[in-house]
Amino acid sequence: MRYSRADYAKILAAQNELARAEEDYQRLRAAYVKVARDEPGHEVALAMIGCDMDRAHAVLQSLIGLPHMPYTHDPVQPAQQPEAQSEPDHAAEESA
């Protein structure tokens, strides 16, 4: 099967993007395993790396074409931070 130059360029770009996403996921997975093995009590680091791993896995799922699992992050949207919700409370405390 022969591809036009534009189609071939798209295929190469998709392959490169998939390889980069896989490398990111494997790098984060290795970091998670290293922290879990060397510093198992460092729960904050494990949680932060785990969240990044979830996002990297969601990117891989979207590139491959798999449906999103209900518990995965949307790779485009950052996770909502609770600080933004509690800002009005701080303003009320300061004025009191």
PDB file of N, CA and C in Angstrom:
ATOM      1  N   MET A   1       0.844  -1.181   0.000  1.00  0.00           N
ATOM      2  CA  MET A   1       0.000   0.000   0.000  1.00  0.00           C
ATOM      3  C   MET A   1       0.884   1.237   0.000  1.00  0.00           C
ATOM      4  N   ARG A   2       0.565   2.159  -0.859  1.00  0.00           N
ATOM      5  CA  ARG A   2       1.361   3.380  -0.968  1.00  0.00           C
ATOM      6  C   ARG A   2       0.590   4.535  -0.348  1.00  0.00           C
ATOM      7  N   TYR A   3       1.323   5.393   0.326  1.00  0.00           N
ATOM      8  CA  TYR A   3       0.737   6.572   0.963  1.00  0.00           C
ATOM      9  C   TYR A   3       1.236   7.826   0.261  1.00  0.00           C
ATOM     10  N   SER A   4       0.408   8.836   0.261  1.00  0.00           N
ATOM     11  CA  SER A   4       0.862  10.130  -0.239  1.00  0.00           C
ATOM     12  C   SER A   4       1.823  10.729   0.782  1.00  0.00           C
ATOM     13  N   ARG A   5       2.538  11.746   0.402  1.00  0.00           N
ATOM     14  CA  ARG A   5       3.500  12.364   1.328  1.00  0.00           C
ATOM     15  C   ARG A   5       2.809  12.911   2.571  1.00  0.00           C
ATOM     16  N   ALA A   6       1.656  13.513   2.383  1.00  0.00           N
ATOM     17  CA  ALA A   6       0.926  14.083   3.524  1.00  0.00           C
ATOM     18  C   ALA A   6       0.459  12.981   4.478  1.00  0.00           C
ATOM     19  N   ASP A   7      -0.067  11.890   3.919  1.00  0.00           N
ATOM     20  CA  ASP A   7      -0.509  10.785   4.770  1.00  0.00           C
ATOM     21  C   ASP A   7       0.666  10.148   5.499  1.00  0.00           C
ATOM     22  N   TYR A   8       1.781   9.978   4.792  1.00  0.00           N
ATOM     23  CA  TYR A   8       2.958   9.388   5.414  1.00  0.00           C
ATOM     24  C   TYR A   8       3.488  10.271   6.537  1.00  0.00           C
ATOM     25  N   ALA A   9       3.458  11.589   6.323  1.00  0.00           N
ATOM     26  CA  ALA A   9       3.904  12.514   7.366  1.00  0.00           C
ATOM     27  C   ALA A   9       2.990  12.433   8.584  1.00  0.00           C
ATOM     28  N   LYS A  10       1.692  12.292   8.371  1.00  0.00           N
ATOM     29  CA  LYS A  10       0.749  12.151   9.483  1.00  0.00           C
ATOM     30  C   LYS A  10       0.998  10.861  10.254  1.00  0.00           C
ATOM     31  N   ILE A  11       1.272   9.781   9.534  1.00  0.00           N
ATOM     32  CA  ILE A  11       1.538   8.495  10.191  1.00  0.00           C
ATOM     33  C   ILE A  11       2.807   8.578  11.019  1.00  0.00           C
ATOM     34  N   LEU A  12       3.852   9.183  10.468  1.00  0.00           N
ATOM     35  CA  LEU A  12       5.101   9.333  11.219  1.00  0.00           C
ATOM     36  C   LEU A  12       4.907  10.197  12.458  1.00  0.00           C
ATOM     37  N   ALA A  13       4.149  11.281  12.324  1.00  0.00           N
ATOM     38  CA  ALA A  13       3.895  12.159  13.473  1.00  0.00           C
ATOM     39  C   ALA A  13       3.115  11.415  14.550  1.00  0.00           C
ATOM     40  N   ALA A  14       2.133  10.623  14.139  1.00  0.00           N
ATOM     41  CA  ALA A  14       1.342   9.856  15.115  1.00  0.00           C
ATOM     42  C   ALA A  14       2.212   8.811  15.810  1.00  0.00           C
ATOM     43  N   GLN A  15       3.099   8.158  15.062  1.00  0.00           N
ATOM     44  CA  GLN A  15       3.989   7.170  15.662  1.00  0.00           C
ATOM     45  C   GLN A  15       4.944   7.836  16.654  1.00  0.00           C
ATOM     46  N   ASN A  16       5.463   9.001  16.291  1.00  0.00           N
ATOM     47  CA  ASN A  16       6.363   9.722  17.201  1.00  0.00           C
ATOM     48  C   ASN A  16       5.643  10.175  18.460  1.00  0.00           C
ATOM     49  N   GLU A  17       4.418  10.655  18.296  1.00  0.00           N
ATOM     50  CA  GLU A  17       3.638  11.099  19.454  1.00  0.00           C
ATOM     51  C   GLU A  17       3.312   9.928  20.377  1.00  0.00           C
ATOM     52  N   LEU A  18       2.975   8.792  19.795  1.00  0.00           N
ATOM     53  CA  LEU A  18       2.688   7.601  20.589  1.00  0.00           C
ATOM     54  C   LEU A  18       3.945   7.118  21.318  1.00  0.00           C
ATOM     55  N   ALA A  19       5.086   7.134  20.634  1.00  0.00           N
ATOM     56  CA  ALA A  19       6.343   6.712  21.270  1.00  0.00           C
ATOM     57  C   ALA A  19       6.710   7.646  22.419  1.00  0.00           C
ATOM     58  N   ARG A  20       6.506   8.941  22.234  1.00  0.00           N
ATOM     59  CA  ARG A  20       6.805   9.922  23.286  1.00  0.00           C
ATOM     60  C   ARG A  20       5.881   9.721  24.491  1.00  0.00           C
ATOM     61  N   ALA A  21       4.608   9.465  24.225  1.00  0.00           N
ATOM     62  CA  ALA A  21       3.657   9.236  25.318  1.00  0.00           C
ATOM     63  C   ALA A  21       4.007   7.957  26.079  1.00  0.00           C
ATOM     64  N   GLU A  22       4.417   6.922  25.349  1.00  0.00           N
ATOM     65  CA  GLU A  22       4.810   5.677  26.000  1.00  0.00           C
ATOM     66  C   GLU A  22       6.069   5.884  26.846  1.00  0.00           C
ATOM     67  N   GLU A  23       7.026   6.655  26.342  1.00  0.00           N
ATOM     68  CA  GLU A  23       8.240   6.947  27.106  1.00  0.00           C
ATOM     69  C   GLU A  23       7.906   7.730  28.376  1.00  0.00           C
ATOM     70  N   ASP A  24       7.006   8.698  28.266  1.00  0.00           N
ATOM     71  CA  ASP A  24       6.603   9.474  29.442  1.00  0.00           C
ATOM     72  C   ASP A  24       5.980   8.566  30.494  1.00  0.00           C
ATOM     73  N   TYR A  25       5.088   7.677  30.055  1.00  0.00           N
ATOM     74  CA  TYR A  25       4.433   6.776  30.994  1.00  0.00           C
ATOM     75  C   TYR A  25       5.456   5.854  31.656  1.00  0.00           C
ATOM     76  N   GLN A  26       6.358   5.291  30.878  1.00  0.00           N
ATOM     77  CA  GLN A  26       7.352   4.376  31.439  1.00  0.00           C
ATOM     78  C   GLN A  26       8.309   5.103  32.385  1.00  0.00           C
ATOM     79  N   ARG A  27       8.660   6.348  32.055  1.00  0.00           N
ATOM     80  CA  ARG A  27       9.530   7.140  32.930  1.00  0.00           C
ATOM     81  C   ARG A  27       8.847   7.414  34.267  1.00  0.00           C
ATOM     82  N   LEU A  28       7.574   7.788  34.226  1.00  0.00           N
ATOM     83  CA  LEU A  28       6.827   8.042  35.458  1.00  0.00           C
ATOM     84  C   LEU A  28       6.617   6.763  36.250  1.00  0.00           C
ATOM     85  N   ARG A  29       6.382   5.663  35.555  1.00  0.00           N
ATOM     86  CA  ARG A  29       6.197   4.376  36.238  1.00  0.00           C
ATOM     87  C   ARG A  29       7.492   3.976  36.952  1.00  0.00           C
ATOM     88  N   ALA A  30       8.621   4.165  36.289  1.00  0.00           N
ATOM     89  CA  ALA A  30       9.909   3.833  36.917  1.00  0.00           C
ATOM     90  C   ALA A  30      10.161   4.719  38.135  1.00  0.00           C
ATOM     91  N   ALA A  31       9.804   6.004  38.031  1.00  0.00           N
ATOM     92  CA  ALA A  31       9.978   6.909  39.172  1.00  0.00           C
ATOM     93  C   ALA A  31       9.081   6.487  40.332  1.00  0.00           C
ATOM     94  N   TYR A  32       7.855   6.088  40.030  1.00  0.00           N
ATOM     95  CA  TYR A  32       6.928   5.656  41.073  1.00  0.00           C
ATOM     96  C   TYR A  32       7.456   4.413  41.783  1.00  0.00           C
ATOM     97  N   VAL A  33       7.933   3.448  40.997  1.00  0.00           N
ATOM     98  CA  VAL A  33       8.454   2.214  41.585  1.00  0.00           C
ATOM     99  C   VAL A  33       9.689   2.509  42.428  1.00  0.00           C
ATOM    100  N   LYS A  34      10.542   3.420  41.957  1.00  0.00           N
ATOM    101  CA  LYS A  34      11.752   3.763  42.708  1.00  0.00           C
ATOM    102  C   LYS A  34      11.407   4.412  44.046  1.00  0.00           C
ATOM    103  N   VAL A  35      10.475   5.362  44.024  1.00  0.00           N
ATOM    104  CA  VAL A  35      10.079   6.023  45.270  1.00  0.00           C
ATOM    105  C   VAL A  35       9.391   5.032  46.197  1.00  0.00           C
ATOM    106  N   ALA A  36       8.540   4.187  45.635  1.00  0.00           N
ATOM    107  CA  ALA A  36       7.827   3.193  46.465  1.00  0.00           C
ATOM    108  C   ALA A  36       8.808   2.214  47.113  1.00  0.00           C
ATOM    109  N   ARG A  37       9.865   1.878  46.395  1.00  0.00           N
ATOM    110  CA  ARG A  37      10.843   0.932  46.925  1.00  0.00           C
ATOM    111  C   ARG A  37      11.795   1.602  47.922  1.00  0.00           C
ATOM    112  N   ASP A  38      12.290   2.807  47.576  1.00  0.00           N
ATOM    113  CA  ASP A  38      13.305   3.469  48.402  1.00  0.00           C
ATOM    114  C   ASP A  38      12.721   4.258  49.569  1.00  0.00           C
ATOM    115  N   GLU A  39      11.585   4.918  49.352  1.00  0.00           N
ATOM    116  CA  GLU A  39      10.969   5.758  50.389  1.00  0.00           C
ATOM    117  C   GLU A  39       9.468   5.472  50.462  1.00  0.00           C
ATOM    118  N   PRO A  40       9.069   4.324  50.959  1.00  0.00           N
ATOM    119  CA  PRO A  40       7.644   3.975  50.957  1.00  0.00           C
ATOM    120  C   PRO A  40       6.778   4.899  51.825  1.00  0.00           C
ATOM    121  N   GLY A  41       7.366   5.617  52.757  1.00  0.00           N
ATOM    122  CA  GLY A  41       6.595   6.513  53.598  1.00  0.00           C
ATOM    123  C   GLY A  41       6.352   7.874  52.980  1.00  0.00           C
ATOM    124  N   HIS A  42       6.920   8.130  51.823  1.00  0.00           N
ATOM    125  CA  HIS A  42       6.782   9.442  51.178  1.00  0.00           C
ATOM    126  C   HIS A  42       5.497   9.447  50.351  1.00  0.00           C
ATOM    127  N   GLU A  43       4.369   9.579  51.053  1.00  0.00           N
ATOM    128  CA  GLU A  43       3.054   9.458  50.422  1.00  0.00           C
ATOM    129  C   GLU A  43       2.746  10.594  49.457  1.00  0.00           C
ATOM    130  N   VAL A  44       3.262  11.791  49.738  1.00  0.00           N
ATOM    131  CA  VAL A  44       2.986  12.925  48.864  1.00  0.00           C
ATOM    132  C   VAL A  44       3.630  12.699  47.494  1.00  0.00           C
ATOM    133  N   ALA A  45       4.884  12.263  47.494  1.00  0.00           N
ATOM    134  CA  ALA A  45       5.565  12.004  46.222  1.00  0.00           C
ATOM    135  C   ALA A  45       4.857  10.892  45.452  1.00  0.00           C
ATOM    136  N   LEU A  46       4.449   9.852  46.149  1.00  0.00           N
ATOM    137  CA  LEU A  46       3.747   8.762  45.480  1.00  0.00           C
ATOM    138  C   LEU A  46       2.423   9.238  44.879  1.00  0.00           C
ATOM    139  N   ALA A  47       1.722  10.082  45.603  1.00  0.00           N
ATOM    140  CA  ALA A  47       0.445  10.595  45.098  1.00  0.00           C
ATOM    141  C   ALA A  47       0.652  11.495  43.884  1.00  0.00           C
ATOM    142  N   MET A  48       1.662  12.354  43.935  1.00  0.00           N
ATOM    143  CA  MET A  48       1.913  13.269  42.815  1.00  0.00           C
ATOM    144  C   MET A  48       2.352  12.501  41.569  1.00  0.00           C
ATOM    145  N   ILE A  49       3.263  11.559  41.734  1.00  0.00           N
ATOM    146  CA  ILE A  49       3.720  10.770  40.590  1.00  0.00           C
ATOM    147  C   ILE A  49       2.575   9.906  40.068  1.00  0.00           C
ATOM    148  N   GLY A  50       1.769   9.364  40.976  1.00  0.00           N
ATOM    149  CA  GLY A  50       0.624   8.559  40.570  1.00  0.00           C
ATOM    150  C   GLY A  50      -0.374   9.346  39.749  1.00  0.00           C
ATOM    151  N   CYS A  51      -0.599  10.586  40.118  1.00  0.00           N
ATOM    152  CA  CYS A  51      -1.515  11.451  39.365  1.00  0.00           C
ATOM    153  C   CYS A  51      -0.967  11.710  37.965  1.00  0.00           C
ATOM    154  N   ASP A  52       0.336  11.981  37.879  1.00  0.00           N
ATOM    155  CA  ASP A  52       0.959  12.179  36.573  1.00  0.00           C
ATOM    156  C   ASP A  52       0.902  10.904  35.737  1.00  0.00           C
ATOM    157  N   MET A  53       1.055   9.751  36.396  1.00  0.00           N
ATOM    158  CA  MET A  53       0.942   8.480  35.678  1.00  0.00           C
ATOM    159  C   MET A  53      -0.469   8.292  35.127  1.00  0.00           C
ATOM    160  N   ASP A  54      -1.473   8.674  35.891  1.00  0.00           N
ATOM    161  CA  ASP A  54      -2.855   8.570  35.413  1.00  0.00           C
ATOM    162  C   ASP A  54      -3.066   9.420  34.172  1.00  0.00           C
ATOM    163  N   ARG A  55      -2.525  10.637  34.193  1.00  0.00           N
ATOM    164  CA  ARG A  55      -2.658  11.517  33.024  1.00  0.00           C
ATOM    165  C   ARG A  55      -1.921  10.941  31.821  1.00  0.00           C
ATOM    166  N   ALA A  56      -0.712  10.426  32.041  1.00  0.00           N
ATOM    167  CA  ALA A  56       0.054   9.844  30.940  1.00  0.00           C
ATOM    168  C   ALA A  56      -0.673   8.626  30.373  1.00  0.00           C
ATOM    169  N   HIS A  57      -1.286   7.841  31.247  1.00  0.00           N
ATOM    170  CA  HIS A  57      -2.042   6.681  30.784  1.00  0.00           C
ATOM    171  C   HIS A  57      -3.275   7.114  29.998  1.00  0.00           C
ATOM    172  N   ALA A  58      -3.922   8.185  30.421  1.00  0.00           N
ATOM    173  CA  ALA A  58      -5.086   8.695  29.694  1.00  0.00           C
ATOM    174  C   ALA A  58      -4.680   9.197  28.311  1.00  0.00           C
ATOM    175  N   VAL A  59      -3.503   9.818  28.209  1.00  0.00           N
ATOM    176  CA  VAL A  59      -3.014  10.265  26.902  1.00  0.00           C
ATOM    177  C   VAL A  59      -2.783   9.059  26.002  1.00  0.00           C
ATOM    178  N   LEU A  60      -2.162   8.023  26.547  1.00  0.00           N
ATOM    179  CA  LEU A  60      -1.951   6.805  25.759  1.00  0.00           C
ATOM    180  C   LEU A  60      -3.275   6.211  25.298  1.00  0.00           C
ATOM    181  N   GLN A  61      -4.250   6.181  26.192  1.00  0.00           N
ATOM    182  CA  GLN A  61      -5.561   5.637  25.813  1.00  0.00           C
ATOM    183  C   GLN A  61      -6.182   6.444  24.681  1.00  0.00           C
ATOM    184  N   SER A  62      -6.073   7.761  24.757  1.00  0.00           N
ATOM    185  CA  SER A  62      -6.685   8.588  23.711  1.00  0.00           C
ATOM    186  C   SER A  62      -5.945   8.450  22.384  1.00  0.00           C
ATOM    187  N   LEU A  63      -4.613   8.284  22.426  1.00  0.00           N
ATOM    188  CA  LEU A  63      -3.859   8.117  21.191  1.00  0.00           C
ATOM    189  C   LEU A  63      -4.142   6.769  20.538  1.00  0.00           C
ATOM    190  N   ILE A  64      -4.305   5.744  21.340  1.00  0.00           N
ATOM    191  CA  ILE A  64      -4.561   4.411  20.815  1.00  0.00           C
ATOM    192  C   ILE A  64      -6.009   4.279  20.362  1.00  0.00           C
ATOM    193  N   GLY A  65      -6.884   5.055  20.972  1.00  0.00           N
ATOM    194  CA  GLY A  65      -8.291   5.010  20.595  1.00  0.00           C
ATOM    195  C   GLY A  65      -9.151   4.230  21.554  1.00  0.00           C
ATOM    196  N   LEU A  66      -8.614   3.908  22.724  1.00  0.00           N
ATOM    197  CA  LEU A  66      -9.400   3.202  23.722  1.00  0.00           C
ATOM    198  C   LEU A  66     -10.344   4.167  24.424  1.00  0.00           C
ATOM    199  N   PRO A  67     -11.495   3.699  24.863  1.00  0.00           N
ATOM    200  CA  PRO A  67     -12.394   4.589  25.609  1.00  0.00           C
ATOM    201  C   PRO A  67     -11.797   4.915  26.971  1.00  0.00           C
ATOM    202  N   HIS A  68     -12.128   6.105  27.462  1.00  0.00           N
ATOM    203  CA  HIS A  68     -11.629   6.525  28.770  1.00  0.00           C
ATOM    204  C   HIS A  68     -12.291   5.711  29.865  1.00  0.00           C
ATOM    205  N   MET A  69     -11.495   5.314  30.814  1.00  0.00           N
ATOM    206  CA  MET A  69     -12.030   4.629  31.979  1.00  0.00           C
ATOM    207  C   MET A  69     -12.681   5.684  32.876  1.00  0.00           C
ATOM    208  N   PRO A  70     -13.680   5.328  33.660  1.00  0.00           N
ATOM    209  CA  PRO A  70     -14.388   6.342  34.457  1.00  0.00           C
ATOM    210  C   PRO A  70     -13.530   7.022  35.513  1.00  0.00           C
ATOM    211  N   TYR A  71     -12.441   6.426  35.941  1.00  0.00           N
ATOM    212  CA  TYR A  71     -11.626   6.999  37.006  1.00  0.00           C
ATOM    213  C   TYR A  71     -10.384   7.711  36.486  1.00  0.00           C
ATOM    214  N   THR A  72     -10.181   7.769  35.167  1.00  0.00           N
ATOM    215  CA  THR A  72      -8.972   8.396  34.641  1.00  0.00           C
ATOM    216  C   THR A  72      -9.191   9.885  34.437  1.00  0.00           C
ATOM    217  N   HIS A  73      -8.097  10.619  34.422  1.00  0.00           N
ATOM    218  CA  HIS A  73      -8.141  12.054  34.183  1.00  0.00           C
ATOM    219  C   HIS A  73      -8.284  12.321  32.695  1.00  0.00           C
ATOM    220  N   ASP A  74      -8.909  13.437  32.379  1.00  0.00           N
ATOM    221  CA  ASP A  74      -8.950  13.873  31.000  1.00  0.00           C
ATOM    222  C   ASP A  74      -7.567  14.422  30.686  1.00  0.00           C
ATOM    223  N   PRO A  75      -6.881  13.918  29.646  1.00  0.00           N
ATOM    224  CA  PRO A  75      -5.511  14.358  29.411  1.00  0.00           C
ATOM    225  C   PRO A  75      -5.402  15.828  29.031  1.00  0.00           C
ATOM    226  N   VAL A  76      -6.499  16.431  28.600  1.00  0.00           N
ATOM    227  CA  VAL A  76      -6.453  17.824  28.189  1.00  0.00           C
ATOM    228  C   VAL A  76      -6.711  18.753  29.372  1.00  0.00           C
ATOM    229  N   GLN A  77      -7.609  18.368  30.259  1.00  0.00           N
ATOM    230  CA  GLN A  77      -7.998  19.205  31.383  1.00  0.00           C
ATOM    231  C   GLN A  77      -7.121  18.918  32.599  1.00  0.00           C
ATOM    232  N   PRO A  78      -6.542  19.948  33.225  1.00  0.00           N
ATOM    233  CA  PRO A  78      -5.802  19.703  34.459  1.00  0.00           C
ATOM    234  C   PRO A  78      -6.758  19.350  35.593  1.00  0.00           C
ATOM    235  N   ALA A  79      -6.250  18.656  36.565  1.00  0.00           N
ATOM    236  CA  ALA A  79      -7.083  18.283  37.713  1.00  0.00           C
ATOM    237  C   ALA A  79      -7.512  19.537  38.457  1.00  0.00           C
ATOM    238  N   GLN A  80      -8.754  19.562  38.929  1.00  0.00           N
ATOM    239  CA  GLN A  80      -9.258  20.720  39.650  1.00  0.00           C
ATOM    240  C   GLN A  80      -8.615  20.772  41.019  1.00  0.00           C
ATOM    241  N   GLN A  81      -8.161  21.961  41.385  1.00  0.00           N
ATOM    242  CA  GLN A  81      -7.484  22.106  42.656  1.00  0.00           C
ATOM    243  C   GLN A  81      -8.456  22.647  43.693  1.00  0.00           C
ATOM    244  N   PRO A  82      -8.427  22.088  44.907  1.00  0.00           N
ATOM    245  CA  PRO A  82      -9.371  22.527  45.924  1.00  0.00           C
ATOM    246  C   PRO A  82      -9.115  23.954  46.396  1.00  0.00           C
ATOM    247  N   GLU A  83      -7.928  24.513  46.158  1.00  0.00           N
ATOM    248  CA  GLU A  83      -7.616  25.872  46.604  1.00  0.00           C
ATOM    249  C   GLU A  83      -8.528  26.895  45.946  1.00  0.00           C
ATOM    250  N   ALA A  84      -8.861  26.673  44.687  1.00  0.00           N
ATOM    251  CA  ALA A  84      -9.707  27.626  43.965  1.00  0.00           C
ATOM    252  C   ALA A  84     -11.103  27.681  44.565  1.00  0.00           C
ATOM    253  N   GLN A  85     -11.566  26.595  45.134  1.00  0.00           N
ATOM    254  CA  GLN A  85     -12.895  26.569  45.723  1.00  0.00           C
ATOM    255  C   GLN A  85     -12.925  27.247  47.082  1.00  0.00           C
ATOM    256  N   SER A  86     -11.807  27.254  47.795  1.00  0.00           N
ATOM    257  CA  SER A  86     -11.812  27.778  49.157  1.00  0.00           C
ATOM    258  C   SER A  86     -11.398  29.243  49.236  1.00  0.00           C
ATOM    259  N   GLU A  87     -11.123  29.905  48.128  1.00  0.00           N
ATOM    260  CA  GLU A  87     -10.708  31.307  48.151  1.00  0.00           C
ATOM    261  C   GLU A  87     -11.762  32.236  48.761  1.00  0.00           C
ATOM    262  N   PRO A  88     -13.063  32.093  48.440  1.00  0.00           N
ATOM    263  CA  PRO A  88     -14.042  32.999  49.058  1.00  0.00           C
ATOM    264  C   PRO A  88     -14.077  32.867  50.573  1.00  0.00           C
ATOM    265  N   ASP A  89     -13.766  31.696  51.103  1.00  0.00           N
ATOM    266  CA  ASP A  89     -13.754  31.509  52.552  1.00  0.00           C
ATOM    267  C   ASP A  89     -12.636  32.339  53.178  1.00  0.00           C
ATOM    268  N   HIS A  90     -11.490  32.414  52.511  1.00  0.00           N
ATOM    269  CA  HIS A  90     -10.368  33.184  53.050  1.00  0.00           C
ATOM    270  C   HIS A  90     -10.688  34.682  53.054  1.00  0.00           C
ATOM    271  N   ALA A  91     -11.400  35.142  52.065  1.00  0.00           N
ATOM    272  CA  ALA A  91     -11.760  36.556  51.998  1.00  0.00           C
ATOM    273  C   ALA A  91     -12.717  36.909  53.144  1.00  0.00           C
ATOM    274  N   ALA A  92     -13.629  36.000  53.464  1.00  0.00           N
ATOM    275  CA  ALA A  92     -14.568  36.236  54.550  1.00  0.00           C
ATOM    276  C   ALA A  92     -13.852  36.232  55.886  1.00  0.00           C
ATOM    277  N   GLU A  93     -12.842  35.358  56.031  1.00  0.00           N
ATOM    278  CA  GLU A  93     -12.083  35.299  57.286  1.00  0.00           C
ATOM    279  C   GLU A  93     -11.261  36.562  57.496  1.00  0.00           C
ATOM    280  N   GLU A  94     -10.672  37.088  56.406  1.00  0.00           N
ATOM    281  CA  GLU A  94      -9.840  38.280  56.514  1.00  0.00           C
ATOM    282  C   GLU A  94     -10.654  39.509  56.900  1.00  0.00           C
ATOM    283  N   SER A  95     -11.902  39.604  56.402  1.00  0.00           N
ATOM    284  CA  SER A  95     -12.708  40.784  56.690  1.00  0.00           C
ATOM    285  C   SER A  95     -13.286  40.742  58.101  1.00  0.00           C
ATOM    286  N   ALA A  96     -13.295  39.587  58.726  1.00  0.00           N
ATOM    287  CA  ALA A  96     -13.881  39.461  60.063  1.00  0.00           C
ATOM    288  C   ALA A  96     -12.960  39.936  61.156  1.00  0.00           C
TER     289      ALA A  96
END
